[in-house]
Amino acid sequence: MEDFSKINTNIAFNVGPKIEVLDNHSPVYLIEYYEWFNNDWALIYSNHSIKPFHWFKHNKAFRTKWRIKIWGLDNDLPILLTQHTYNEVDKNILLRFDYPSYKVQKVWFEKSIKFMEDTGSKIYVESKYADQLKKDFDTKIVVLNKISNYNLFLKLNEIYATYEIQRHEIQTSSFNWWESDAIFENHADHYKSYYHPNDWIKLSNDELIDDILKL
């Protein structure tokens, strides 16, 4: 089934997928989050109490393939109103680098160039070394110093997805579900925390961006 929407919505993936329902078609909506897993779409989370002109956001912040479905009511019967599948082609993607070494960020930037070419997206990179990156690279990537008003920047530049490339603290953002030291969602794929698919203790700096962006 091709993606479609019969209601007004705003769906973006800025440090996790955020779904805004901007319509009063139904008194309440059901939002379903699917993730591509084992060659099929796995339902990993649902919320059945979203009211008109409200929003909900899932915590998973690393890159993955999402499908969002929004259900409403029509003559008291459930009806699928929106289906949106994650697609980066011609979309604006923000990568926020956070690491004290320019050498590391330079490698991340090189990987970002390939990421842009492979996905057909437009890449923005936020880095403390923005000036040096601009000198060292001739690229279509938009390089930025620290963004002062993040939410305004997302709105003005129509940012579709944001990924934070850094080593997030993982001890308090992971769960020992089933004594597994990992997070499972409705029997779909498991991961270490909401920011990292795998434990970054085992990863080099070069591998860190690969893990977060699933390169």
N, C-alpha and C. Protein backbone atom coordinates (compact mmCIF):
# COMPACT_ATOMS: atom_id res chain seq x y z
N MET A 1 0.83 -1.20 0.00
CA MET A 1 0.00 0.00 0.00
C MET A 1 0.87 1.25 0.00
N GLU A 2 0.56 2.18 -0.89
CA GLU A 2 1.30 3.44 -0.96
C GLU A 2 0.93 4.33 0.23
N ASP A 3 1.87 5.18 0.63
CA ASP A 3 1.59 6.12 1.72
C ASP A 3 0.52 7.12 1.30
N PHE A 4 -0.24 7.57 2.28
CA PHE A 4 -1.30 8.53 2.01
C PHE A 4 -1.69 9.19 3.33
N SER A 5 -2.48 10.25 3.25
CA SER A 5 -3.05 10.87 4.45
C SER A 5 -4.35 11.56 4.10
N LYS A 6 -5.39 11.27 4.86
CA LYS A 6 -6.69 11.87 4.69
C LYS A 6 -6.95 12.98 5.71
N ILE A 7 -5.98 13.22 6.59
CA ILE A 7 -6.10 14.27 7.60
C ILE A 7 -4.80 15.07 7.63
N ASN A 8 -4.84 16.20 8.29
CA ASN A 8 -3.64 17.02 8.45
C ASN A 8 -2.79 16.49 9.59
N THR A 9 -1.54 16.22 9.28
CA THR A 9 -0.61 15.73 10.28
C THR A 9 0.76 16.36 10.06
N ASN A 10 1.60 16.25 11.05
CA ASN A 10 3.00 16.62 10.93
C ASN A 10 3.82 15.47 11.51
N ILE A 11 4.58 14.80 10.67
CA ILE A 11 5.36 13.63 11.09
C ILE A 11 6.83 13.91 10.80
N ALA A 12 7.65 13.88 11.83
CA ALA A 12 9.09 14.10 11.68
C ALA A 12 9.83 13.20 12.65
N PHE A 13 11.13 13.07 12.44
CA PHE A 13 11.93 12.09 13.18
C PHE A 13 13.14 12.76 13.82
N ASN A 14 12.88 13.84 14.53
CA ASN A 14 13.94 14.61 15.16
C ASN A 14 14.22 14.10 16.57
N VAL A 15 15.28 13.27 16.67
CA VAL A 15 15.65 12.57 17.91
C VAL A 15 14.44 11.76 18.39
N GLY A 16 13.90 10.98 17.48
CA GLY A 16 12.73 10.17 17.75
C GLY A 16 11.55 10.63 16.92
N PRO A 17 10.67 9.70 16.51
CA PRO A 17 9.53 10.06 15.67
C PRO A 17 8.42 10.76 16.46
N LYS A 18 8.07 11.97 16.03
CA LYS A 18 7.02 12.76 16.67
C LYS A 18 5.84 12.89 15.71
N ILE A 19 4.66 12.53 16.20
CA ILE A 19 3.46 12.54 15.39
C ILE A 19 2.51 13.60 15.94
N GLU A 20 2.18 14.59 15.11
CA GLU A 20 1.21 15.61 15.48
C GLU A 20 -0.05 15.43 14.64
N VAL A 21 -1.19 15.32 15.32
CA VAL A 21 -2.47 15.24 14.63
C VAL A 21 -3.10 16.62 14.62
N LEU A 22 -3.20 17.22 13.45
CA LEU A 22 -3.66 18.60 13.31
C LEU A 22 -5.02 18.62 12.63
N ASP A 23 -5.94 17.81 13.15
CA ASP A 23 -7.22 17.63 12.50
C ASP A 23 -8.25 17.20 13.54
N ASN A 24 -9.52 17.50 13.29
CA ASN A 24 -10.59 17.09 14.20
C ASN A 24 -11.54 16.09 13.55
N HIS A 25 -11.00 15.29 12.64
CA HIS A 25 -11.81 14.27 11.96
C HIS A 25 -12.46 13.33 12.96
N SER A 26 -11.69 12.93 14.00
CA SER A 26 -12.18 11.98 14.99
C SER A 26 -12.00 12.55 16.40
N PRO A 27 -12.81 12.10 17.36
CA PRO A 27 -12.64 12.56 18.73
C PRO A 27 -11.39 11.99 19.40
N VAL A 28 -10.88 10.89 18.85
CA VAL A 28 -9.67 10.26 19.38
C VAL A 28 -9.02 9.48 18.25
N TYR A 29 -7.68 9.31 18.35
CA TYR A 29 -6.93 8.63 17.30
C TYR A 29 -6.05 7.53 17.89
N LEU A 30 -5.81 6.53 17.07
CA LEU A 30 -4.86 5.46 17.40
C LEU A 30 -3.62 5.64 16.54
N ILE A 31 -2.45 5.73 17.17
CA ILE A 31 -1.18 5.82 16.45
C ILE A 31 -0.43 4.50 16.62
N GLU A 32 0.03 3.95 15.51
CA GLU A 32 0.81 2.71 15.53
C GLU A 32 2.20 2.98 14.96
N TYR A 33 3.22 2.51 15.69
CA TYR A 33 4.61 2.61 15.26
C TYR A 33 5.08 1.22 14.81
N TYR A 34 5.47 1.11 13.56
CA TYR A 34 6.02 -0.13 13.02
C TYR A 34 7.50 0.07 12.69
N GLU A 35 8.26 -1.02 12.79
CA GLU A 35 9.68 -1.00 12.42
C GLU A 35 9.97 -2.19 11.52
N TRP A 36 10.78 -1.95 10.48
CA TRP A 36 11.12 -3.02 9.55
C TRP A 36 12.05 -4.01 10.25
N PHE A 37 11.61 -5.26 10.34
CA PHE A 37 12.34 -6.27 11.10
C PHE A 37 12.08 -7.64 10.49
N ASN A 38 13.18 -8.36 10.18
CA ASN A 38 13.06 -9.70 9.59
C ASN A 38 12.18 -9.70 8.34
N ASN A 39 12.41 -8.71 7.46
CA ASN A 39 11.73 -8.62 6.18
C ASN A 39 10.21 -8.43 6.30
N ASP A 40 9.80 -7.78 7.38
CA ASP A 40 8.38 -7.49 7.56
C ASP A 40 8.24 -6.31 8.52
N TRP A 41 7.04 -5.73 8.55
CA TRP A 41 6.78 -4.64 9.47
C TRP A 41 6.32 -5.19 10.81
N ALA A 42 7.05 -4.84 11.87
CA ALA A 42 6.71 -5.29 13.22
C ALA A 42 6.10 -4.14 14.01
N LEU A 43 4.93 -4.35 14.56
CA LEU A 43 4.30 -3.35 15.41
C LEU A 43 5.02 -3.32 16.75
N ILE A 44 5.63 -2.16 17.08
CA ILE A 44 6.41 -2.10 18.31
C ILE A 44 5.75 -1.24 19.39
N TYR A 45 4.84 -0.37 18.97
CA TYR A 45 4.19 0.47 19.99
C TYR A 45 2.89 1.05 19.41
N SER A 46 1.90 1.23 20.29
CA SER A 46 0.66 1.88 19.88
C SER A 46 0.14 2.76 21.00
N ASN A 47 -0.54 3.82 20.62
CA ASN A 47 -1.16 4.73 21.58
C ASN A 47 -2.56 5.04 21.06
N HIS A 48 -3.57 4.69 21.84
CA HIS A 48 -4.95 4.79 21.37
C HIS A 48 -5.71 5.96 21.99
N SER A 49 -5.01 6.91 22.57
CA SER A 49 -5.71 7.99 23.28
C SER A 49 -5.26 9.38 22.82
N ILE A 50 -4.84 9.50 21.55
CA ILE A 50 -4.41 10.80 21.03
C ILE A 50 -5.63 11.61 20.62
N LYS A 51 -5.74 12.80 21.16
CA LYS A 51 -6.86 13.67 20.84
C LYS A 51 -6.49 14.62 19.69
N PRO A 52 -7.49 15.24 19.07
CA PRO A 52 -7.20 16.19 17.99
C PRO A 52 -6.28 17.32 18.47
N PHE A 53 -5.36 17.70 17.60
CA PHE A 53 -4.41 18.79 17.86
C PHE A 53 -3.51 18.48 19.07
N HIS A 54 -3.16 17.20 19.22
CA HIS A 54 -2.19 16.76 20.21
C HIS A 54 -1.09 15.99 19.49
N TRP A 55 -0.01 15.70 20.22
CA TRP A 55 1.11 14.99 19.62
C TRP A 55 1.63 13.92 20.57
N PHE A 56 2.39 12.99 19.98
CA PHE A 56 3.04 11.94 20.77
C PHE A 56 4.39 11.64 20.13
N LYS A 57 5.38 11.33 20.97
CA LYS A 57 6.73 11.06 20.46
C LYS A 57 7.28 9.77 21.07
N HIS A 58 7.85 8.94 20.20
CA HIS A 58 8.52 7.72 20.64
C HIS A 58 9.96 8.06 21.01
N ASN A 59 10.52 7.31 21.97
CA ASN A 59 11.85 7.65 22.50
C ASN A 59 13.01 7.18 21.63
N LYS A 60 12.79 6.28 20.72
CA LYS A 60 13.91 5.70 19.97
C LYS A 60 14.53 6.76 19.05
N ALA A 61 15.81 7.08 19.30
CA ALA A 61 16.43 8.23 18.64
C ALA A 61 17.45 7.86 17.56
N PHE A 62 17.85 6.60 17.47
CA PHE A 62 18.78 6.23 16.41
C PHE A 62 18.02 5.94 15.12
N ARG A 63 18.74 5.90 14.02
CA ARG A 63 18.11 5.76 12.71
C ARG A 63 17.61 4.34 12.49
N THR A 64 16.38 4.23 12.05
CA THR A 64 15.80 2.94 11.70
C THR A 64 14.69 3.19 10.69
N LYS A 65 14.14 2.15 10.11
CA LYS A 65 13.09 2.30 9.11
C LYS A 65 11.73 2.21 9.80
N TRP A 66 11.03 3.33 9.81
CA TRP A 66 9.74 3.43 10.49
C TRP A 66 8.57 3.37 9.49
N ARG A 67 7.45 2.90 9.99
CA ARG A 67 6.17 3.12 9.31
C ARG A 67 5.16 3.55 10.37
N ILE A 68 4.49 4.66 10.12
CA ILE A 68 3.52 5.22 11.05
C ILE A 68 2.12 5.06 10.47
N LYS A 69 1.19 4.57 11.30
CA LYS A 69 -0.20 4.50 10.89
C LYS A 69 -1.05 5.25 11.92
N ILE A 70 -2.00 6.04 11.41
CA ILE A 70 -2.92 6.77 12.27
C ILE A 70 -4.35 6.34 11.91
N TRP A 71 -5.05 5.84 12.92
CA TRP A 71 -6.42 5.38 12.75
C TRP A 71 -7.39 6.35 13.43
N GLY A 72 -8.56 6.50 12.83
CA GLY A 72 -9.63 7.28 13.44
C GLY A 72 -10.94 6.54 13.34
N LEU A 73 -12.02 7.26 13.51
CA LEU A 73 -13.36 6.66 13.47
C LEU A 73 -14.17 7.29 12.35
N ASP A 74 -14.95 6.44 11.67
CA ASP A 74 -15.88 6.90 10.65
C ASP A 74 -17.17 6.11 10.84
N ASN A 75 -18.23 6.79 11.26
CA ASN A 75 -19.49 6.12 11.61
C ASN A 75 -19.26 5.05 12.67
N ASP A 76 -18.43 5.42 13.65
CA ASP A 76 -18.11 4.54 14.79
C ASP A 76 -17.32 3.29 14.40
N LEU A 77 -16.77 3.27 13.20
CA LEU A 77 -15.95 2.15 12.75
C LEU A 77 -14.52 2.63 12.54
N PRO A 78 -13.51 1.80 12.86
CA PRO A 78 -12.11 2.22 12.68
C PRO A 78 -11.78 2.38 11.20
N ILE A 79 -11.01 3.43 10.90
CA ILE A 79 -10.60 3.69 9.52
C ILE A 79 -9.16 4.18 9.54
N LEU A 80 -8.35 3.66 8.62
CA LEU A 80 -6.95 4.09 8.49
C LEU A 80 -6.93 5.43 7.77
N LEU A 81 -6.41 6.45 8.46
CA LEU A 81 -6.42 7.81 7.92
C LEU A 81 -5.07 8.23 7.35
N THR A 82 -4.00 7.69 7.89
CA THR A 82 -2.65 8.09 7.45
C THR A 82 -1.71 6.90 7.50
N GLN A 83 -0.91 6.76 6.48
CA GLN A 83 0.25 5.86 6.52
C GLN A 83 1.46 6.62 6.01
N HIS A 84 2.52 6.62 6.81
CA HIS A 84 3.74 7.33 6.43
C HIS A 84 4.94 6.41 6.68
N THR A 85 5.72 6.19 5.64
CA THR A 85 6.93 5.36 5.74
C THR A 85 8.16 6.26 5.68
N TYR A 86 9.08 6.03 6.60
CA TYR A 86 10.30 6.84 6.66
C TYR A 86 11.01 6.83 5.32
N ASN A 87 11.31 8.05 4.81
CA ASN A 87 11.94 8.17 3.49
C ASN A 87 12.76 9.45 3.47
N GLU A 88 14.07 9.32 3.30
CA GLU A 88 14.98 10.46 3.38
C GLU A 88 15.21 11.16 2.04
N VAL A 89 14.73 10.62 0.95
CA VAL A 89 14.99 11.20 -0.37
C VAL A 89 14.46 12.63 -0.43
N ASP A 90 15.35 13.55 -0.80
CA ASP A 90 15.01 14.97 -0.92
C ASP A 90 14.57 15.61 0.40
N LYS A 91 14.88 14.97 1.53
CA LYS A 91 14.52 15.51 2.84
C LYS A 91 15.74 16.17 3.48
N ASN A 92 15.50 17.07 4.42
CA ASN A 92 16.56 17.74 5.17
C ASN A 92 16.86 16.97 6.45
N ILE A 93 18.12 16.54 6.60
CA ILE A 93 18.55 15.74 7.75
C ILE A 93 19.62 16.50 8.52
N LEU A 94 19.46 16.58 9.83
CA LEU A 94 20.43 17.26 10.69
C LEU A 94 21.24 16.25 11.49
N LEU A 95 22.56 16.35 11.40
CA LEU A 95 23.47 15.54 12.21
C LEU A 95 24.18 16.46 13.19
N ARG A 96 24.07 16.16 14.47
CA ARG A 96 24.66 17.01 15.51
C ARG A 96 25.88 16.30 16.10
N PHE A 97 27.07 16.76 15.73
CA PHE A 97 28.31 16.16 16.19
C PHE A 97 28.68 16.68 17.58
N ASP A 98 29.08 15.76 18.44
CA ASP A 98 29.53 16.16 19.78
C ASP A 98 30.69 15.25 20.20
N TYR A 99 31.90 15.76 19.98
CA TYR A 99 33.11 15.05 20.40
C TYR A 99 34.26 16.05 20.41
N PRO A 100 35.16 15.98 21.41
CA PRO A 100 36.19 17.02 21.55
C PRO A 100 37.30 17.01 20.50
N SER A 101 37.41 15.93 19.73
CA SER A 101 38.52 15.81 18.78
C SER A 101 38.08 16.16 17.36
N TYR A 102 38.82 17.07 16.71
CA TYR A 102 38.52 17.39 15.32
C TYR A 102 38.80 16.19 14.42
N LYS A 103 39.82 15.43 14.73
CA LYS A 103 40.16 14.25 13.92
C LYS A 103 38.97 13.29 13.84
N VAL A 104 38.31 13.08 14.96
CA VAL A 104 37.14 12.19 14.98
C VAL A 104 36.00 12.80 14.16
N GLN A 105 35.73 14.08 14.38
CA GLN A 105 34.63 14.72 13.67
C GLN A 105 34.90 14.79 12.16
N LYS A 106 36.14 14.87 11.80
CA LYS A 106 36.48 14.87 10.37
C LYS A 106 36.10 13.54 9.72
N VAL A 107 36.36 12.45 10.42
CA VAL A 107 35.96 11.13 9.92
C VAL A 107 34.44 11.04 9.83
N TRP A 108 33.75 11.53 10.86
CA TRP A 108 32.29 11.54 10.84
C TRP A 108 31.77 12.34 9.65
N PHE A 109 32.42 13.44 9.36
CA PHE A 109 31.99 14.29 8.25
C PHE A 109 32.15 13.57 6.92
N GLU A 110 33.26 12.86 6.77
CA GLU A 110 33.49 12.08 5.55
C GLU A 110 32.39 11.03 5.37
N LYS A 111 32.00 10.40 6.46
CA LYS A 111 30.92 9.42 6.40
C LYS A 111 29.59 10.10 6.09
N SER A 112 29.42 11.34 6.56
CA SER A 112 28.19 12.07 6.30
C SER A 112 28.04 12.40 4.82
N ILE A 113 29.14 12.67 4.15
CA ILE A 113 29.11 12.93 2.71
C ILE A 113 28.59 11.71 1.96
N LYS A 114 29.10 10.54 2.33
CA LYS A 114 28.63 9.30 1.68
C LYS A 114 27.17 9.03 2.03
N PHE A 115 26.81 9.30 3.29
CA PHE A 115 25.42 9.13 3.72
C PHE A 115 24.49 9.99 2.87
N MET A 116 24.88 11.23 2.61
CA MET A 116 24.08 12.13 1.78
C MET A 116 23.94 11.56 0.36
N GLU A 117 25.05 11.07 -0.19
CA GLU A 117 25.02 10.53 -1.55
C GLU A 117 24.16 9.27 -1.63
N ASP A 118 24.25 8.42 -0.62
CA ASP A 118 23.51 7.15 -0.64
C ASP A 118 22.01 7.34 -0.43
N THR A 119 21.62 8.35 0.33
CA THR A 119 20.20 8.52 0.67
C THR A 119 19.48 9.53 -0.21
N GLY A 120 20.23 10.36 -0.93
CA GLY A 120 19.60 11.39 -1.73
C GLY A 120 18.97 12.49 -0.89
N SER A 121 19.52 12.70 0.30
CA SER A 121 19.00 13.71 1.21
C SER A 121 19.89 14.94 1.22
N LYS A 122 19.42 16.01 1.86
CA LYS A 122 20.22 17.20 2.08
C LYS A 122 20.67 17.20 3.54
N ILE A 123 21.97 17.28 3.78
CA ILE A 123 22.51 17.12 5.12
C ILE A 123 22.95 18.46 5.71
N TYR A 124 22.55 18.66 6.96
CA TYR A 124 23.06 19.75 7.78
C TYR A 124 23.90 19.13 8.89
N VAL A 125 25.07 19.68 9.15
CA VAL A 125 25.93 19.19 10.23
C VAL A 125 26.19 20.33 11.21
N GLU A 126 25.89 20.08 12.48
CA GLU A 126 26.22 21.03 13.54
C GLU A 126 27.49 20.55 14.23
N SER A 127 28.50 21.41 14.30
CA SER A 127 29.78 21.02 14.86
C SER A 127 30.51 22.21 15.45
N LYS A 128 31.22 21.98 16.55
CA LYS A 128 32.06 23.03 17.13
C LYS A 128 33.24 23.36 16.22
N TYR A 129 33.51 22.46 15.26
CA TYR A 129 34.60 22.68 14.31
C TYR A 129 34.06 23.08 12.93
N ALA A 130 32.94 23.76 12.91
CA ALA A 130 32.30 24.12 11.64
C ALA A 130 33.23 24.89 10.71
N ASP A 131 33.95 25.86 11.24
CA ASP A 131 34.83 26.68 10.40
C ASP A 131 35.93 25.84 9.77
N GLN A 132 36.51 24.93 10.53
CA GLN A 132 37.58 24.09 10.00
C GLN A 132 37.04 23.09 8.96
N LEU A 133 35.86 22.56 9.21
CA LEU A 133 35.26 21.62 8.25
C LEU A 133 34.97 22.32 6.92
N LYS A 134 34.53 23.57 6.99
CA LYS A 134 34.26 24.32 5.76
C LYS A 134 35.54 24.53 4.96
N LYS A 135 36.67 24.71 5.66
CA LYS A 135 37.95 24.90 4.98
C LYS A 135 38.45 23.62 4.34
N ASP A 136 38.21 22.50 5.02
CA ASP A 136 38.78 21.23 4.58
C ASP A 136 37.94 20.49 3.54
N PHE A 137 36.66 20.85 3.43
CA PHE A 137 35.78 20.10 2.53
C PHE A 137 35.01 21.04 1.60
N ASP A 138 34.94 20.64 0.34
CA ASP A 138 34.10 21.32 -0.64
C ASP A 138 32.91 20.40 -0.91
N THR A 139 31.80 20.68 -0.27
CA THR A 139 30.67 19.76 -0.29
C THR A 139 29.36 20.54 -0.22
N LYS A 140 28.28 19.87 -0.58
CA LYS A 140 26.96 20.48 -0.52
C LYS A 140 26.38 20.45 0.90
N ILE A 141 27.04 19.77 1.83
CA ILE A 141 26.57 19.74 3.21
C ILE A 141 26.60 21.15 3.80
N VAL A 142 25.52 21.50 4.49
CA VAL A 142 25.46 22.79 5.17
C VAL A 142 26.06 22.61 6.57
N VAL A 143 27.15 23.32 6.83
CA VAL A 143 27.88 23.16 8.10
C VAL A 143 27.56 24.34 9.01
N LEU A 144 27.20 24.04 10.25
CA LEU A 144 26.72 25.05 11.18
C LEU A 144 27.49 25.02 12.48
N ASN A 145 27.65 26.19 13.08
CA ASN A 145 28.11 26.26 14.46
C ASN A 145 26.92 25.93 15.36
N LYS A 146 27.10 26.05 16.66
CA LYS A 146 26.05 25.67 17.59
C LYS A 146 24.74 26.38 17.27
N ILE A 147 23.66 25.59 17.17
CA ILE A 147 22.33 26.13 16.89
C ILE A 147 21.76 26.72 18.17
N SER A 148 21.41 27.99 18.12
CA SER A 148 20.97 28.68 19.34
C SER A 148 19.52 28.36 19.70
N ASN A 149 18.67 28.24 18.69
CA ASN A 149 17.26 27.93 18.93
C ASN A 149 16.91 26.71 18.10
N TYR A 150 17.03 25.55 18.71
CA TYR A 150 16.90 24.28 18.00
C TYR A 150 15.51 24.11 17.38
N ASN A 151 14.46 24.33 18.16
CA ASN A 151 13.09 24.12 17.66
C ASN A 151 12.77 25.07 16.51
N LEU A 152 13.21 26.30 16.61
CA LEU A 152 12.98 27.26 15.53
C LEU A 152 13.74 26.84 14.28
N PHE A 153 14.97 26.35 14.47
CA PHE A 153 15.78 25.90 13.33
C PHE A 153 15.08 24.74 12.61
N LEU A 154 14.54 23.79 13.37
CA LEU A 154 13.84 22.66 12.76
C LEU A 154 12.67 23.14 11.92
N LYS A 155 11.94 24.09 12.44
CA LYS A 155 10.75 24.59 11.75
C LYS A 155 11.11 25.37 10.49
N LEU A 156 12.05 26.29 10.62
CA LEU A 156 12.42 27.15 9.49
C LEU A 156 13.05 26.37 8.34
N ASN A 157 13.78 25.31 8.68
CA ASN A 157 14.50 24.54 7.66
C ASN A 157 13.81 23.22 7.30
N GLU A 158 12.61 23.02 7.84
CA GLU A 158 11.82 21.82 7.55
C GLU A 158 12.68 20.55 7.70
N ILE A 159 13.30 20.43 8.86
CA ILE A 159 14.16 19.27 9.13
C ILE A 159 13.29 18.03 9.34
N TYR A 160 13.55 17.02 8.54
CA TYR A 160 12.76 15.78 8.58
C TYR A 160 13.25 14.83 9.68
N ALA A 161 14.56 14.79 9.88
CA ALA A 161 15.12 13.88 10.89
C ALA A 161 16.39 14.49 11.48
N THR A 162 16.60 14.24 12.77
CA THR A 162 17.81 14.70 13.47
C THR A 162 18.43 13.52 14.21
N TYR A 163 19.77 13.40 14.09
CA TYR A 163 20.49 12.35 14.81
C TYR A 163 21.67 12.96 15.55
N GLU A 164 21.78 12.62 16.82
CA GLU A 164 22.86 13.12 17.66
C GLU A 164 24.01 12.12 17.65
N ILE A 165 25.13 12.54 17.08
CA ILE A 165 26.29 11.65 16.96
C ILE A 165 27.20 11.92 18.16
N GLN A 166 27.04 11.11 19.18
CA GLN A 166 27.82 11.25 20.40
C GLN A 166 27.62 9.99 21.24
N ARG A 167 28.35 9.92 22.34
CA ARG A 167 28.21 8.79 23.25
C ARG A 167 27.27 9.19 24.38
N HIS A 168 26.02 8.87 24.22
CA HIS A 168 25.02 9.17 25.24
C HIS A 168 25.21 8.26 26.45
N GLU A 169 24.89 8.78 27.60
CA GLU A 169 24.88 7.96 28.81
C GLU A 169 23.83 6.86 28.63
N ILE A 170 24.19 5.63 28.88
CA ILE A 170 23.29 4.51 28.58
C ILE A 170 22.78 3.75 29.80
N GLN A 171 23.36 3.98 30.96
CA GLN A 171 22.96 3.19 32.12
C GLN A 171 21.52 3.44 32.54
N THR A 172 21.07 4.70 32.47
CA THR A 172 19.71 5.02 32.90
C THR A 172 18.71 5.07 31.75
N SER A 173 19.18 4.86 30.53
CA SER A 173 18.26 4.90 29.39
C SER A 173 18.11 3.53 28.73
N SER A 174 18.52 2.50 29.45
CA SER A 174 18.29 1.13 28.97
C SER A 174 17.59 0.36 30.10
N PHE A 175 17.01 -0.76 29.74
CA PHE A 175 16.24 -1.54 30.71
C PHE A 175 16.68 -2.99 30.64
N ASN A 176 16.61 -3.68 31.77
CA ASN A 176 16.93 -5.10 31.82
C ASN A 176 15.66 -5.91 31.63
N TRP A 177 15.05 -5.78 30.45
CA TRP A 177 13.84 -6.54 30.19
C TRP A 177 14.20 -8.00 30.00
N TRP A 178 13.48 -8.87 30.68
CA TRP A 178 13.69 -10.31 30.60
C TRP A 178 15.13 -10.67 30.96
N GLU A 179 15.73 -9.89 31.85
CA GLU A 179 17.12 -10.11 32.28
C GLU A 179 18.08 -10.15 31.10
N SER A 180 17.80 -9.36 30.09
CA SER A 180 18.59 -9.42 28.86
C SER A 180 19.57 -8.26 28.73
N ASP A 181 19.47 -7.26 29.63
CA ASP A 181 20.30 -6.06 29.54
C ASP A 181 20.09 -5.36 28.19
N ALA A 182 18.85 -5.36 27.72
CA ALA A 182 18.52 -4.71 26.45
C ALA A 182 17.04 -4.38 26.45
N ILE A 183 16.64 -3.57 25.46
CA ILE A 183 15.24 -3.19 25.32
C ILE A 183 14.61 -4.00 24.19
N PHE A 184 13.48 -4.61 24.48
CA PHE A 184 12.68 -5.28 23.46
C PHE A 184 11.35 -4.54 23.34
N GLU A 185 10.81 -4.47 22.13
CA GLU A 185 9.51 -3.85 21.94
C GLU A 185 8.61 -4.80 21.17
N ASN A 186 7.64 -5.34 21.88
CA ASN A 186 6.64 -6.20 21.26
C ASN A 186 7.27 -7.32 20.42
N HIS A 187 8.34 -7.90 20.97
CA HIS A 187 9.01 -9.04 20.34
C HIS A 187 9.70 -8.68 19.02
N ALA A 188 9.94 -7.40 18.79
CA ALA A 188 10.70 -7.00 17.61
C ALA A 188 12.19 -6.98 17.97
N ASP A 189 12.97 -6.22 17.24
CA ASP A 189 14.42 -6.19 17.46
C ASP A 189 14.74 -5.63 18.85
N HIS A 190 15.88 -6.02 19.39
CA HIS A 190 16.30 -5.49 20.69
C HIS A 190 17.47 -4.53 20.47
N TYR A 191 17.66 -3.62 21.43
CA TYR A 191 18.72 -2.64 21.34
C TYR A 191 19.14 -2.23 22.74
N LYS A 192 20.31 -1.60 22.82
CA LYS A 192 20.91 -1.31 24.12
C LYS A 192 20.20 -0.17 24.84
N SER A 193 19.92 0.92 24.13
CA SER A 193 19.25 2.06 24.74
C SER A 193 18.48 2.80 23.67
N TYR A 194 17.76 3.83 24.07
CA TYR A 194 16.99 4.60 23.09
C TYR A 194 17.89 5.40 22.15
N TYR A 195 19.17 5.56 22.48
CA TYR A 195 20.09 6.33 21.65
C TYR A 195 21.07 5.46 20.88
N HIS A 196 21.28 4.22 21.32
CA HIS A 196 22.30 3.38 20.71
C HIS A 196 21.77 1.96 20.52
N PRO A 197 21.83 1.45 19.28
CA PRO A 197 21.43 0.06 19.07
C PRO A 197 22.31 -0.92 19.83
N ASN A 198 23.60 -0.59 19.93
CA ASN A 198 24.55 -1.48 20.60
C ASN A 198 25.32 -0.72 21.68
N ASP A 199 25.91 -1.46 22.59
CA ASP A 199 26.68 -0.86 23.66
C ASP A 199 27.92 -0.20 23.07
N TRP A 200 28.03 1.14 23.21
CA TRP A 200 29.14 1.84 22.57
C TRP A 200 30.48 1.58 23.24
N ILE A 201 30.50 0.93 24.37
CA ILE A 201 31.77 0.56 25.02
C ILE A 201 32.63 -0.26 24.06
N LYS A 202 31.96 -1.05 23.23
CA LYS A 202 32.68 -1.95 22.32
C LYS A 202 33.02 -1.28 20.98
N LEU A 203 32.60 -0.04 20.79
CA LEU A 203 32.74 0.60 19.49
C LEU A 203 33.84 1.65 19.48
N SER A 204 34.56 1.73 18.36
CA SER A 204 35.51 2.81 18.16
C SER A 204 34.74 4.08 17.79
N ASN A 205 35.41 5.21 17.77
CA ASN A 205 34.75 6.45 17.38
C ASN A 205 34.28 6.38 15.93
N ASP A 206 35.05 5.73 15.08
CA ASP A 206 34.64 5.58 13.68
C ASP A 206 33.37 4.74 13.57
N GLU A 207 33.25 3.73 14.42
CA GLU A 207 32.10 2.84 14.36
C GLU A 207 30.85 3.44 14.99
N LEU A 208 31.04 4.43 15.83
CA LEU A 208 29.90 5.01 16.57
C LEU A 208 28.87 5.59 15.62
N ILE A 209 29.29 6.38 14.64
CA ILE A 209 28.34 6.98 13.71
C ILE A 209 27.69 5.90 12.85
N ASP A 210 28.43 4.85 12.50
CA ASP A 210 27.85 3.74 11.75
C ASP A 210 26.73 3.08 12.53
N ASP A 211 26.91 2.94 13.84
CA ASP A 211 25.93 2.29 14.68
C ASP A 211 24.66 3.13 14.82
N ILE A 212 24.81 4.42 15.06
CA ILE A 212 23.66 5.30 15.25
C ILE A 212 22.86 5.47 13.96
N LEU A 213 23.57 5.60 12.84
CA LEU A 213 22.90 5.81 11.54
C LEU A 213 22.65 4.51 10.79
N LYS A 214 23.11 3.38 11.35
CA LYS A 214 22.98 2.08 10.71
C LYS A 214 23.53 2.12 9.28
N LEU A 215 24.76 2.58 9.16
CA LEU A 215 25.40 2.69 7.85
C LEU A 215 25.92 1.34 7.39
